[in-house]
């Protein structure tokens, strides 16, 4: 398993927002795929595997409390996060996660974290 990062969204999680994320991820994937409805996706971007999952912040506080504090966020101001994990561990994977998380942060009015192993 490669590096992971997260985007903490500042908006409420809705089905419409999930559809926007799925559409963005489908457009970013190659070969382009139609992603199923849900909160977890596995895609290939530039020949690299990436897994993406959406989690309500309150449900994963045990895992993200320190990260929220570092970012100056509270669970109320970041109701959900999108976790991105690369399947490989090269420089390209870190850069890919940075690009995807920056795009999703823009889409979600969110704050991305740096990819770490």
PDB file of N, CA and C in Angstrom:
ATOM      1  N   UNK A   1       0.842  -1.179   0.000  1.00  0.00           N
ATOM      2  CA  UNK A   1       0.000   0.000   0.000  1.00  0.00           C
ATOM      3  C   UNK A   1       0.882   1.235   0.000  1.00  0.00           C
ATOM      4  N   UNK A   2       0.446   2.239  -0.703  1.00  0.00           N
ATOM      5  CA  UNK A   2       1.200   3.475  -0.818  1.00  0.00           C
ATOM      6  C   UNK A   2       0.706   4.541   0.140  1.00  0.00           C
ATOM      7  N   UNK A   3       1.000   5.787  -0.173  1.00  0.00           N
ATOM      8  CA  UNK A   3       0.618   6.896   0.697  1.00  0.00           C
ATOM      9  C   UNK A   3      -0.893   7.142   0.682  1.00  0.00           C
ATOM     10  N   UNK A   4      -1.343   7.831   1.724  1.00  0.00           N
ATOM     11  CA  UNK A   4      -2.751   8.233   1.839  1.00  0.00           C
ATOM     12  C   UNK A   4      -2.815   9.708   2.212  1.00  0.00           C
ATOM     13  N   UNK A   5      -3.912  10.340   1.870  1.00  0.00           N
ATOM     14  CA  UNK A   5      -4.177  11.710   2.296  1.00  0.00           C
ATOM     15  C   UNK A   5      -5.685  11.864   2.427  1.00  0.00           C
ATOM     16  N   UNK A   6      -6.110  13.022   2.885  1.00  0.00           N
ATOM     17  CA  UNK A   6      -7.543  13.259   3.079  1.00  0.00           C
ATOM     18  C   UNK A   6      -7.890  14.685   2.673  1.00  0.00           C
ATOM     19  N   UNK A   7      -9.160  14.866   2.384  1.00  0.00           N
ATOM     20  CA  UNK A   7      -9.721  16.197   2.171  1.00  0.00           C
ATOM     21  C   UNK A   7     -10.857  16.340   3.165  1.00  0.00           C
ATOM     22  N   UNK A   8     -10.765  17.340   4.035  1.00  0.00           N
ATOM     23  CA  UNK A   8     -11.820  17.618   5.003  1.00  0.00           C
ATOM     24  C   UNK A   8     -12.748  18.663   4.408  1.00  0.00           C
ATOM     25  N   UNK A   9     -13.984  18.252   4.145  1.00  0.00           N
ATOM     26  CA  UNK A   9     -14.959  19.122   3.485  1.00  0.00           C
ATOM     27  C   UNK A   9     -15.638  20.034   4.486  1.00  0.00           C
ATOM     28  N   UNK A  10     -15.924  21.256   4.031  1.00  0.00           N
ATOM     29  CA  UNK A  10     -16.606  22.234   4.891  1.00  0.00           C
ATOM     30  C   UNK A  10     -18.089  22.347   4.571  1.00  0.00           C
ATOM     31  N   UNK A  11     -18.599  21.410   3.809  1.00  0.00           N
ATOM     32  CA  UNK A  11     -20.019  21.439   3.468  1.00  0.00           C
ATOM     33  C   UNK A  11     -20.659  20.133   3.906  1.00  0.00           C
ATOM     34  N   UNK A  12     -21.967  20.098   3.907  1.00  0.00           N
ATOM     35  CA  UNK A  12     -22.692  18.889   4.300  1.00  0.00           C
ATOM     36  C   UNK A  12     -22.626  17.857   3.177  1.00  0.00           C
ATOM     37  N   UNK A  13     -22.602  16.608   3.558  1.00  0.00           N
ATOM     38  CA  UNK A  13     -22.575  15.504   2.604  1.00  0.00           C
ATOM     39  C   UNK A  13     -23.985  15.258   2.081  1.00  0.00           C
ATOM     40  N   UNK A  14     -24.148  15.360   0.771  1.00  0.00           N
ATOM     41  CA  UNK A  14     -25.443  15.120   0.135  1.00  0.00           C
ATOM     42  C   UNK A  14     -25.250  14.136  -1.013  1.00  0.00           C
ATOM     43  N   UNK A  15     -26.343  13.572  -1.480  1.00  0.00           N
ATOM     44  CA  UNK A  15     -26.274  12.663  -2.637  1.00  0.00           C
ATOM     45  C   UNK A  15     -25.769  13.415  -3.866  1.00  0.00           C
ATOM     46  N   UNK A  16     -26.162  14.662  -4.011  1.00  0.00           N
ATOM     47  CA  UNK A  16     -25.692  15.469  -5.136  1.00  0.00           C
ATOM     48  C   UNK A  16     -24.186  15.664  -5.099  1.00  0.00           C
ATOM     49  N   UNK A  17     -23.655  15.884  -3.920  1.00  0.00           N
ATOM     50  CA  UNK A  17     -22.206  16.042  -3.770  1.00  0.00           C
ATOM     51  C   UNK A  17     -21.479  14.729  -4.044  1.00  0.00           C
ATOM     52  N   UNK A  18     -22.041  13.620  -3.585  1.00  0.00           N
ATOM     53  CA  UNK A  18     -21.456  12.314  -3.898  1.00  0.00           C
ATOM     54  C   UNK A  18     -21.438  12.082  -5.402  1.00  0.00           C
ATOM     55  N   UNK A  19     -22.513  12.483  -6.086  1.00  0.00           N
ATOM     56  CA  UNK A  19     -22.561  12.347  -7.543  1.00  0.00           C
ATOM     57  C   UNK A  19     -21.484  13.203  -8.210  1.00  0.00           C
ATOM     58  N   UNK A  20     -21.259  14.428  -7.703  1.00  0.00           N
ATOM     59  CA  UNK A  20     -20.210  15.292  -8.257  1.00  0.00           C
ATOM     60  C   UNK A  20     -18.827  14.673  -8.075  1.00  0.00           C
ATOM     61  N   UNK A  21     -18.583  14.108  -6.881  1.00  0.00           N
ATOM     62  CA  UNK A  21     -17.295  13.458  -6.632  1.00  0.00           C
ATOM     63  C   UNK A  21     -17.108  12.267  -7.564  1.00  0.00           C
ATOM     64  N   UNK A  22     -18.154  11.455  -7.702  1.00  0.00           N
ATOM     65  CA  UNK A  22     -18.071  10.284  -8.579  1.00  0.00           C
ATOM     66  C   UNK A  22     -17.829  10.710 -10.019  1.00  0.00           C
ATOM     67  N   UNK A  23     -18.462  11.776 -10.440  1.00  0.00           N
ATOM     68  CA  UNK A  23     -18.264  12.281 -11.801  1.00  0.00           C
ATOM     69  C   UNK A  23     -16.826  12.759 -12.003  1.00  0.00           C
ATOM     70  N   UNK A  24     -16.303  13.512 -11.033  1.00  0.00           N
ATOM     71  CA  UNK A  24     -14.916  13.965 -11.119  1.00  0.00           C
ATOM     72  C   UNK A  24     -13.965  12.776 -11.186  1.00  0.00           C
ATOM     73  N   UNK A  25     -14.151  11.794 -10.302  1.00  0.00           N
ATOM     74  CA  UNK A  25     -13.264  10.629 -10.268  1.00  0.00           C
ATOM     75  C   UNK A  25     -13.368   9.808 -11.540  1.00  0.00           C
ATOM     76  N   UNK A  26     -14.571   9.699 -12.086  1.00  0.00           N
ATOM     77  CA  UNK A  26     -14.740   8.982 -13.350  1.00  0.00           C
ATOM     78  C   UNK A  26     -14.002   9.699 -14.474  1.00  0.00           C
ATOM     79  N   UNK A  27     -14.078  11.025 -14.498  1.00  0.00           N
ATOM     80  CA  UNK A  27     -13.370  11.807 -15.516  1.00  0.00           C
ATOM     81  C   UNK A  27     -11.859  11.699 -15.353  1.00  0.00           C
ATOM     82  N   UNK A  28     -11.380  11.598 -14.112  1.00  0.00           N
ATOM     83  CA  UNK A  28      -9.943  11.531 -13.843  1.00  0.00           C
ATOM     84  C   UNK A  28      -9.367  10.155 -14.149  1.00  0.00           C
ATOM     85  N   UNK A  29     -10.212   9.124 -14.159  1.00  0.00           N
ATOM     86  CA  UNK A  29      -9.709   7.761 -14.328  1.00  0.00           C
ATOM     87  C   UNK A  29      -9.454   7.435 -15.795  1.00  0.00           C
ATOM     88  N   UNK A  30      -8.488   6.596 -16.002  1.00  0.00           N
ATOM     89  CA  UNK A  30      -8.136   6.099 -17.335  1.00  0.00           C
ATOM     90  C   UNK A  30      -7.873   4.623 -17.225  1.00  0.00           C
ATOM     91  N   UNK A  31      -8.548   3.760 -17.922  1.00  0.00           N
ATOM     92  CA  UNK A  31      -9.629   4.129 -18.829  1.00  0.00           C
ATOM     93  C   UNK A  31     -10.812   4.689 -18.053  1.00  0.00           C
ATOM     94  N   UNK A  32     -11.539   5.553 -18.724  1.00  0.00           N
ATOM     95  CA  UNK A  32     -12.654   6.208 -18.048  1.00  0.00           C
ATOM     96  C   UNK A  32     -13.708   5.168 -17.681  1.00  0.00           C
ATOM     97  N   UNK A  33     -14.202   5.261 -16.475  1.00  0.00           N
ATOM     98  CA  UNK A  33     -15.183   4.299 -15.984  1.00  0.00           C
ATOM     99  C   UNK A  33     -16.406   5.025 -15.452  1.00  0.00           C
ATOM    100  N   UNK A  34     -17.494   4.315 -15.430  1.00  0.00           N
ATOM    101  CA  UNK A  34     -18.692   4.834 -14.773  1.00  0.00           C
ATOM    102  C   UNK A  34     -18.677   4.242 -13.371  1.00  0.00           C
ATOM    103  N   UNK A  35     -18.628   5.100 -12.385  1.00  0.00           N
ATOM    104  CA  UNK A  35     -18.528   4.626 -11.007  1.00  0.00           C
ATOM    105  C   UNK A  35     -19.909   4.375 -10.424  1.00  0.00           C
ATOM    106  N   UNK A  36     -20.031   3.325  -9.633  1.00  0.00           N
ATOM    107  CA  UNK A  36     -21.321   3.045  -9.005  1.00  0.00           C
ATOM    108  C   UNK A  36     -21.631   4.074  -7.923  1.00  0.00           C
ATOM    109  N   UNK A  37     -22.911   4.185  -7.593  1.00  0.00           N
ATOM    110  CA  UNK A  37     -23.289   5.037  -6.466  1.00  0.00           C
ATOM    111  C   UNK A  37     -22.693   4.434  -5.201  1.00  0.00           C
ATOM    112  N   UNK A  38     -22.355   5.267  -4.293  1.00  0.00           N
ATOM    113  CA  UNK A  38     -21.802   4.763  -3.042  1.00  0.00           C
ATOM    114  C   UNK A  38     -20.814   5.739  -2.454  1.00  0.00           C
ATOM    115  N   UNK A  39     -19.978   5.225  -1.565  1.00  0.00           N
ATOM    116  CA  UNK A  39     -19.006   6.070  -0.880  1.00  0.00           C
ATOM    117  C   UNK A  39     -17.599   5.510  -0.983  1.00  0.00           C
ATOM    118  N   UNK A  40     -17.393   4.491  -1.812  1.00  0.00           N
ATOM    119  CA  UNK A  40     -16.067   3.925  -2.011  1.00  0.00           C
ATOM    120  C   UNK A  40     -15.872   3.621  -3.483  1.00  0.00           C
ATOM    121  N   UNK A  41     -14.686   3.983  -3.976  1.00  0.00           N
ATOM    122  CA  UNK A  41     -14.366   3.749  -5.374  1.00  0.00           C
ATOM    123  C   UNK A  41     -12.927   3.275  -5.509  1.00  0.00           C
ATOM    124  N   UNK A  42     -12.694   2.464  -6.499  1.00  0.00           N
ATOM    125  CA  UNK A  42     -11.340   2.068  -6.883  1.00  0.00           C
ATOM    126  C   UNK A  42     -11.166   2.472  -8.337  1.00  0.00           C
ATOM    127  N   UNK A  43     -10.146   3.290  -8.602  1.00  0.00           N
ATOM    128  CA  UNK A  43      -9.929   3.787  -9.956  1.00  0.00           C
ATOM    129  C   UNK A  43      -8.458   3.650 -10.326  1.00  0.00           C
ATOM    130  N   UNK A  44      -8.185   3.801 -11.599  1.00  0.00           N
ATOM    131  CA  UNK A  44      -6.819   3.873 -12.114  1.00  0.00           C
ATOM    132  C   UNK A  44      -6.654   5.252 -12.732  1.00  0.00           C
ATOM    133  N   UNK A  45      -5.629   5.970 -12.296  1.00  0.00           N
ATOM    134  CA  UNK A  45      -5.342   7.298 -12.821  1.00  0.00           C
ATOM    135  C   UNK A  45      -3.894   7.285 -13.297  1.00  0.00           C
ATOM    136  N   UNK A  46      -3.701   7.586 -14.571  1.00  0.00           N
ATOM    137  CA  UNK A  46      -2.363   7.584 -15.163  1.00  0.00           C
ATOM    138  C   UNK A  46      -1.639   6.256 -14.909  1.00  0.00           C
ATOM    139  N   UNK A  47      -2.396   5.165 -14.993  1.00  0.00           N
ATOM    140  CA  UNK A  47      -1.827   3.844 -14.810  1.00  0.00           C
ATOM    141  C   UNK A  47      -1.523   3.467 -13.369  1.00  0.00           C
ATOM    142  N   UNK A  48      -2.044   4.243 -12.412  1.00  0.00           N
ATOM    143  CA  UNK A  48      -1.766   4.001 -11.001  1.00  0.00           C
ATOM    144  C   UNK A  48      -3.082   3.739 -10.271  1.00  0.00           C
ATOM    145  N   UNK A  49      -3.126   2.713  -9.407  1.00  0.00           N
ATOM    146  CA  UNK A  49      -4.368   2.428  -8.669  1.00  0.00           C
ATOM    147  C   UNK A  49      -4.560   3.401  -7.503  1.00  0.00           C
ATOM    148  N   UNK A  50      -5.787   3.838  -7.334  1.00  0.00           N
ATOM    149  CA  UNK A  50      -6.147   4.749  -6.242  1.00  0.00           C
ATOM    150  C   UNK A  50      -7.481   4.295  -5.663  1.00  0.00           C
ATOM    151  N   UNK A  51      -7.554   4.234  -4.346  1.00  0.00           N
ATOM    152  CA  UNK A  51      -8.841   3.960  -3.699  1.00  0.00           C
ATOM    153  C   UNK A  51      -9.309   5.240  -3.011  1.00  0.00           C
ATOM    154  N   UNK A  52     -10.615   5.433  -3.040  1.00  0.00           N
ATOM    155  CA  UNK A  52     -11.226   6.649  -2.496  1.00  0.00           C
ATOM    156  C   UNK A  52     -12.432   6.230  -1.655  1.00  0.00           C
ATOM    157  N   UNK A  53     -12.531   6.809  -0.458  1.00  0.00           N
ATOM    158  CA  UNK A  53     -13.705   6.537   0.369  1.00  0.00           C
ATOM    159  C   UNK A  53     -14.123   7.817   1.098  1.00  0.00           C
ATOM    160  N   UNK A  54     -15.409   7.920   1.319  1.00  0.00           N
ATOM    161  CA  UNK A  54     -15.993   9.070   2.011  1.00  0.00           C
ATOM    162  C   UNK A  54     -16.433   8.603   3.389  1.00  0.00           C
ATOM    163  N   UNK A  55     -16.053   9.378   4.403  1.00  0.00           N
ATOM    164  CA  UNK A  55     -16.377   9.018   5.790  1.00  0.00           C
ATOM    165  C   UNK A  55     -16.904  10.242   6.535  1.00  0.00           C
ATOM    166  N   UNK A  56     -17.920  10.045   7.335  1.00  0.00           N
ATOM    167  CA  UNK A  56     -18.393  11.120   8.211  1.00  0.00           C
ATOM    168  C   UNK A  56     -17.361  11.321   9.312  1.00  0.00           C
ATOM    169  N   UNK A  57     -16.976  12.545   9.532  1.00  0.00           N
ATOM    170  CA  UNK A  57     -15.924  12.853  10.499  1.00  0.00           C
ATOM    171  C   UNK A  57     -16.263  12.324  11.888  1.00  0.00           C
ATOM    172  N   UNK A  58     -17.488  12.489  12.314  1.00  0.00           N
ATOM    173  CA  UNK A  58     -17.896  12.010  13.645  1.00  0.00           C
ATOM    174  C   UNK A  58     -17.661  10.513  13.806  1.00  0.00           C
ATOM    175  N   UNK A  59     -17.789   9.760  12.708  1.00  0.00           N
ATOM    176  CA  UNK A  59     -17.639   8.307  12.774  1.00  0.00           C
ATOM    177  C   UNK A  59     -16.177   7.864  12.863  1.00  0.00           C
ATOM    178  N   UNK A  60     -15.245   8.744  12.524  1.00  0.00           N
ATOM    179  CA  UNK A  60     -13.822   8.367  12.489  1.00  0.00           C
ATOM    180  C   UNK A  60     -12.952   9.300  13.331  1.00  0.00           C
ATOM    181  N   UNK A  61     -13.548   9.941  14.328  1.00  0.00           N
ATOM    182  CA  UNK A  61     -12.781  10.857  15.178  1.00  0.00           C
ATOM    183  C   UNK A  61     -11.569  10.190  15.803  1.00  0.00           C
ATOM    184  N   UNK A  62     -11.675   8.928  16.146  1.00  0.00           N
ATOM    185  CA  UNK A  62     -10.558   8.184  16.730  1.00  0.00           C
ATOM    186  C   UNK A  62      -9.340   8.207  15.799  1.00  0.00           C
ATOM    187  N   UNK A  63      -9.594   8.334  14.493  1.00  0.00           N
ATOM    188  CA  UNK A  63      -8.526   8.281  13.503  1.00  0.00           C
ATOM    189  C   UNK A  63      -8.051   9.662  13.052  1.00  0.00           C
ATOM    190  N   UNK A  64      -8.890  10.676  13.200  1.00  0.00           N
ATOM    191  CA  UNK A  64      -8.548  11.960  12.586  1.00  0.00           C
ATOM    192  C   UNK A  64      -8.535  13.153  13.533  1.00  0.00           C
ATOM    193  N   UNK A  65      -8.732  12.931  14.815  1.00  0.00           N
ATOM    194  CA  UNK A  65      -8.808  14.041  15.768  1.00  0.00           C
ATOM    195  C   UNK A  65      -7.544  14.906  15.748  1.00  0.00           C
ATOM    196  N   UNK A  66      -6.374  14.285  15.751  1.00  0.00           N
ATOM    197  CA  UNK A  66      -5.115  15.045  15.731  1.00  0.00           C
ATOM    198  C   UNK A  66      -4.966  15.835  14.434  1.00  0.00           C
ATOM    199  N   UNK A  67      -5.339  15.209  13.332  1.00  0.00           N
ATOM    200  CA  UNK A  67      -5.241  15.878  12.037  1.00  0.00           C
ATOM    201  C   UNK A  67      -6.170  17.091  11.977  1.00  0.00           C
ATOM    202  N   UNK A  68      -7.378  16.947  12.492  1.00  0.00           N
ATOM    203  CA  UNK A  68      -8.309  18.077  12.544  1.00  0.00           C
ATOM    204  C   UNK A  68      -7.716  19.235  13.345  1.00  0.00           C
ATOM    205  N   UNK A  69      -7.139  18.921  14.503  1.00  0.00           N
ATOM    206  CA  UNK A  69      -6.532  19.961  15.336  1.00  0.00           C
ATOM    207  C   UNK A  69      -5.388  20.659  14.601  1.00  0.00           C
ATOM    208  N   UNK A  70      -4.546  19.887  13.915  1.00  0.00           N
ATOM    209  CA  UNK A  70      -3.437  20.478  13.150  1.00  0.00           C
ATOM    210  C   UNK A  70      -3.943  21.422  12.075  1.00  0.00           C
ATOM    211  N   UNK A  71      -5.081  21.101  11.480  1.00  0.00           N
ATOM    212  CA  UNK A  71      -5.649  21.930  10.414  1.00  0.00           C
ATOM    213  C   UNK A  71      -6.507  23.065  10.954  1.00  0.00           C
ATOM    214  N   UNK A  72      -6.730  23.086  12.276  1.00  0.00           N
ATOM    215  CA  UNK A  72      -7.568  24.126  12.872  1.00  0.00           C
ATOM    216  C   UNK A  72      -9.041  23.920  12.592  1.00  0.00           C
ATOM    217  N   UNK A  73      -9.452  22.670  12.451  1.00  0.00           N
ATOM    218  CA  UNK A  73     -10.840  22.350  12.143  1.00  0.00           C
ATOM    219  C   UNK A  73     -11.488  21.616  13.312  1.00  0.00           C
ATOM    220  N   UNK A  74     -12.797  21.676  13.349  1.00  0.00           N
ATOM    221  CA  UNK A  74     -13.601  20.927  14.312  1.00  0.00           C
ATOM    222  C   UNK A  74     -14.498  19.977  13.529  1.00  0.00           C
ATOM    223  N   UNK A  75     -14.970  18.915  14.154  1.00  0.00           N
ATOM    224  CA  UNK A  75     -15.881  18.016  13.441  1.00  0.00           C
ATOM    225  C   UNK A  75     -17.116  18.738  12.889  1.00  0.00           C
ATOM    226  N   UNK A  76     -17.557  19.778  13.587  1.00  0.00           N
ATOM    227  CA  UNK A  76     -18.722  20.535  13.115  1.00  0.00           C
ATOM    228  C   UNK A  76     -18.418  21.359  11.870  1.00  0.00           C
ATOM    229  N   UNK A  77     -17.172  21.792  11.714  1.00  0.00           N
ATOM    230  CA  UNK A  77     -16.819  22.609  10.552  1.00  0.00           C
ATOM    231  C   UNK A  77     -16.316  21.769   9.384  1.00  0.00           C
ATOM    232  N   UNK A  78     -16.053  20.494   9.630  1.00  0.00           N
ATOM    233  CA  UNK A  78     -15.634  19.561   8.585  1.00  0.00           C
ATOM    234  C   UNK A  78     -16.448  18.280   8.759  1.00  0.00           C
ATOM    235  N   UNK A  79     -17.701  18.278   8.303  1.00  0.00           N
ATOM    236  CA  UNK A  79     -18.586  17.154   8.592  1.00  0.00           C
ATOM    237  C   UNK A  79     -18.199  15.812   7.963  1.00  0.00           C
ATOM    238  N   UNK A  80     -17.387  15.844   6.895  1.00  0.00           N
ATOM    239  CA  UNK A  80     -16.932  14.582   6.331  1.00  0.00           C
ATOM    240  C   UNK A  80     -15.561  14.758   5.701  1.00  0.00           C
ATOM    241  N   UNK A  81     -14.931  13.608   5.452  1.00  0.00           N
ATOM    242  CA  UNK A  81     -13.632  13.634   4.784  1.00  0.00           C
ATOM    243  C   UNK A  81     -13.629  12.621   3.656  1.00  0.00           C
ATOM    244  N   UNK A  82     -12.783  12.893   2.689  1.00  0.00           N
ATOM    245  CA  UNK A  82     -12.554  11.980   1.580  1.00  0.00           C
ATOM    246  C   UNK A  82     -11.125  11.480   1.743  1.00  0.00           C
ATOM    247  N   UNK A  83     -10.953  10.178   1.866  1.00  0.00           N
ATOM    248  CA  UNK A  83      -9.638   9.574   2.038  1.00  0.00           C
ATOM    249  C   UNK A  83      -9.205   8.980   0.712  1.00  0.00           C
ATOM    250  N   UNK A  84      -7.999   9.348   0.272  1.00  0.00           N
ATOM    251  CA  UNK A  84      -7.429   8.834  -0.969  1.00  0.00           C
ATOM    252  C   UNK A  84      -6.169   8.049  -0.638  1.00  0.00           C
ATOM    253  N   UNK A  85      -6.065   6.844  -1.160  1.00  0.00           N
ATOM    254  CA  UNK A  85      -4.884   6.002  -0.928  1.00  0.00           C
ATOM    255  C   UNK A  85      -4.371   5.482  -2.259  1.00  0.00           C
ATOM    256  N   UNK A  86      -3.077   5.613  -2.454  1.00  0.00           N
ATOM    257  CA  UNK A  86      -2.440   5.091  -3.660  1.00  0.00           C
ATOM    258  C   UNK A  86      -2.086   3.629  -3.441  1.00  0.00           C
ATOM    259  N   UNK A  87      -2.135   2.869  -4.505  1.00  0.00           N
ATOM    260  CA  UNK A  87      -1.809   1.456  -4.408  1.00  0.00           C
ATOM    261  C   UNK A  87      -0.325   1.173  -4.510  1.00  0.00           C
ATOM    262  N   UNK A  88       0.460   2.171  -4.927  1.00  0.00           N
ATOM    263  CA  UNK A  88       1.904   2.008  -5.070  1.00  0.00           C
ATOM    264  C   UNK A  88       2.594   3.106  -4.258  1.00  0.00           C
ATOM    265  N   UNK A  89       3.908   3.024  -4.165  1.00  0.00           N
ATOM    266  CA  UNK A  89       4.632   3.940  -3.284  1.00  0.00           C
ATOM    267  C   UNK A  89       5.802   4.608  -3.991  1.00  0.00           C
ATOM    268  N   UNK A  90       5.518   5.295  -5.091  1.00  0.00           N
ATOM    269  CA  UNK A  90       6.580   6.014  -5.785  1.00  0.00           C
ATOM    270  C   UNK A  90       6.298   7.517  -5.732  1.00  0.00           C
ATOM    271  N   UNK A  91       7.250   8.290  -6.195  1.00  0.00           N
ATOM    272  CA  UNK A  91       7.095   9.749  -6.249  1.00  0.00           C
ATOM    273  C   UNK A  91       5.827  10.121  -7.019  1.00  0.00           C
ATOM    274  N   UNK A  92       5.552   9.400  -8.104  1.00  0.00           N
ATOM    275  CA  UNK A  92       4.372   9.685  -8.927  1.00  0.00           C
ATOM    276  C   UNK A  92       3.075   9.528  -8.124  1.00  0.00           C
ATOM    277  N   UNK A  93       3.061   8.566  -7.211  1.00  0.00           N
ATOM    278  CA  UNK A  93       1.855   8.354  -6.409  1.00  0.00           C
ATOM    279  C   UNK A  93       1.598   9.514  -5.455  1.00  0.00           C
ATOM    280  N   UNK A  94       2.642  10.034  -4.852  1.00  0.00           N
ATOM    281  CA  UNK A  94       2.494  11.198  -3.973  1.00  0.00           C
ATOM    282  C   UNK A  94       1.977  12.403  -4.768  1.00  0.00           C
ATOM    283  N   UNK A  95       2.551  12.619  -5.949  1.00  0.00           N
ATOM    284  CA  UNK A  95       2.119  13.749  -6.783  1.00  0.00           C
ATOM    285  C   UNK A  95       0.683  13.575  -7.256  1.00  0.00           C
ATOM    286  N   UNK A  96       0.326  12.363  -7.614  1.00  0.00           N
ATOM    287  CA  UNK A  96      -1.039  12.084  -8.043  1.00  0.00           C
ATOM    288  C   UNK A  96      -2.026  12.379  -6.923  1.00  0.00           C
ATOM    289  N   UNK A  97      -1.729  11.939  -5.708  1.00  0.00           N
ATOM    290  CA  UNK A  97      -2.624  12.217  -4.580  1.00  0.00           C
ATOM    291  C   UNK A  97      -2.717  13.707  -4.293  1.00  0.00           C
ATOM    292  N   UNK A  98      -1.615  14.421  -4.428  1.00  0.00           N
ATOM    293  CA  UNK A  98      -1.664  15.881  -4.229  1.00  0.00           C
ATOM    294  C   UNK A  98      -2.611  16.541  -5.229  1.00  0.00           C
ATOM    295  N   UNK A  99      -2.528  16.114  -6.485  1.00  0.00           N
ATOM    296  CA  UNK A  99      -3.381  16.696  -7.532  1.00  0.00           C
ATOM    297  C   UNK A  99      -4.848  16.355  -7.286  1.00  0.00           C
ATOM    298  N   UNK A 100      -5.129  15.083  -7.032  1.00  0.00           N
ATOM    299  CA  UNK A 100      -6.515  14.674  -6.802  1.00  0.00           C
ATOM    300  C   UNK A 100      -7.096  15.359  -5.563  1.00  0.00           C
ATOM    301  N   UNK A 101      -6.320  15.428  -4.477  1.00  0.00           N
ATOM    302  CA  UNK A 101      -6.840  16.046  -3.252  1.00  0.00           C
ATOM    303  C   UNK A 101      -7.051  17.548  -3.429  1.00  0.00           C
ATOM    304  N   UNK A 102      -6.189  18.204  -4.192  1.00  0.00           N
ATOM    305  CA  UNK A 102      -6.378  19.638  -4.456  1.00  0.00           C
ATOM    306  C   UNK A 102      -7.650  19.872  -5.262  1.00  0.00           C
ATOM    307  N   UNK A 103      -7.892  19.039  -6.262  1.00  0.00           N
ATOM    308  CA  UNK A 103      -9.112  19.174  -7.068  1.00  0.00           C
ATOM    309  C   UNK A 103     -10.356  18.916  -6.226  1.00  0.00           C
ATOM    310  N   UNK A 104     -10.308  17.869  -5.404  1.00  0.00           N
ATOM    311  CA  UNK A 104     -11.465  17.573  -4.548  1.00  0.00           C
ATOM    312  C   UNK A 104     -11.664  18.658  -3.490  1.00  0.00           C
ATOM    313  N   UNK A 105     -10.581  19.221  -2.976  1.00  0.00           N
ATOM    314  CA  UNK A 105     -10.698  20.315  -2.006  1.00  0.00           C
ATOM    315  C   UNK A 105     -11.413  21.499  -2.627  1.00  0.00           C
ATOM    316  N   UNK A 106     -11.100  21.794  -3.865  1.00  0.00           N
ATOM    317  CA  UNK A 106     -11.778  22.894  -4.557  1.00  0.00           C
ATOM    318  C   UNK A 106     -13.263  22.572  -4.723  1.00  0.00           C
ATOM    319  N   UNK A 107     -13.561  21.346  -5.125  1.00  0.00           N
ATOM    320  CA  UNK A 107     -14.937  20.923  -5.348  1.00  0.00           C
ATOM    321  C   UNK A 107     -15.765  20.939  -4.056  1.00  0.00           C
ATOM    322  N   UNK A 108     -15.119  20.616  -2.937  1.00  0.00           N
ATOM    323  CA  UNK A 108     -15.824  20.461  -1.661  1.00  0.00           C
ATOM    324  C   UNK A 108     -15.639  21.634  -0.706  1.00  0.00           C
ATOM    325  N   UNK A 109     -14.989  22.700  -1.160  1.00  0.00           N
ATOM    326  CA  UNK A 109     -14.632  23.805  -0.268  1.00  0.00           C
ATOM    327  C   UNK A 109     -13.947  23.214   0.961  1.00  0.00           C
ATOM    328  N   UNK A 110     -12.946  22.384   0.701  1.00  0.00           N
ATOM    329  CA  UNK A 110     -12.304  21.652   1.772  1.00  0.00           C
ATOM    330  C   UNK A 110     -10.831  21.954   1.943  1.00  0.00           C
ATOM    331  N   UNK A 111     -10.219  21.239   2.867  1.00  0.00           N
ATOM    332  CA  UNK A 111      -8.814  21.382   3.185  1.00  0.00           C
ATOM    333  C   UNK A 111      -8.130  20.046   2.969  1.00  0.00           C
ATOM    334  N   UNK A 112      -7.139  19.999   2.066  1.00  0.00           N
ATOM    335  CA  UNK A 112      -6.436  18.739   1.821  1.00  0.00           C
ATOM    336  C   UNK A 112      -5.263  18.571   2.792  1.00  0.00           C
ATOM    337  N   UNK A 113      -4.887  17.324   3.024  1.00  0.00           N
ATOM    338  CA  UNK A 113      -3.708  17.022   3.806  1.00  0.00           C
ATOM    339  C   UNK A 113      -2.605  16.528   2.852  1.00  0.00           C
ATOM    340  N   UNK A 114      -1.396  16.527   3.344  1.00  0.00           N
ATOM    341  CA  UNK A 114      -0.263  16.006   2.563  1.00  0.00           C
ATOM    342  C   UNK A 114      -0.303  14.478   2.566  1.00  0.00           C
ATOM    343  N   UNK A 115       0.021  13.853   1.444  1.00  0.00           N
ATOM    344  CA  UNK A 115       0.107  12.393   1.435  1.00  0.00           C
ATOM    345  C   UNK A 115       1.236  11.910   2.355  1.00  0.00           C
ATOM    346  N   UNK A 116       0.931  10.886   3.148  1.00  0.00           N
ATOM    347  CA  UNK A 116       1.934  10.280   4.028  1.00  0.00           C
ATOM    348  C   UNK A 116       1.779   8.768   3.964  1.00  0.00           C
ATOM    349  N   UNK A 117       2.826   8.118   4.316  1.00  0.00           N
ATOM    350  CA  UNK A 117       2.827   6.649   4.346  1.00  0.00           C
ATOM    351  C   UNK A 117       2.506   6.182   5.743  1.00  0.00           C
TER     352      UNK A 117
END
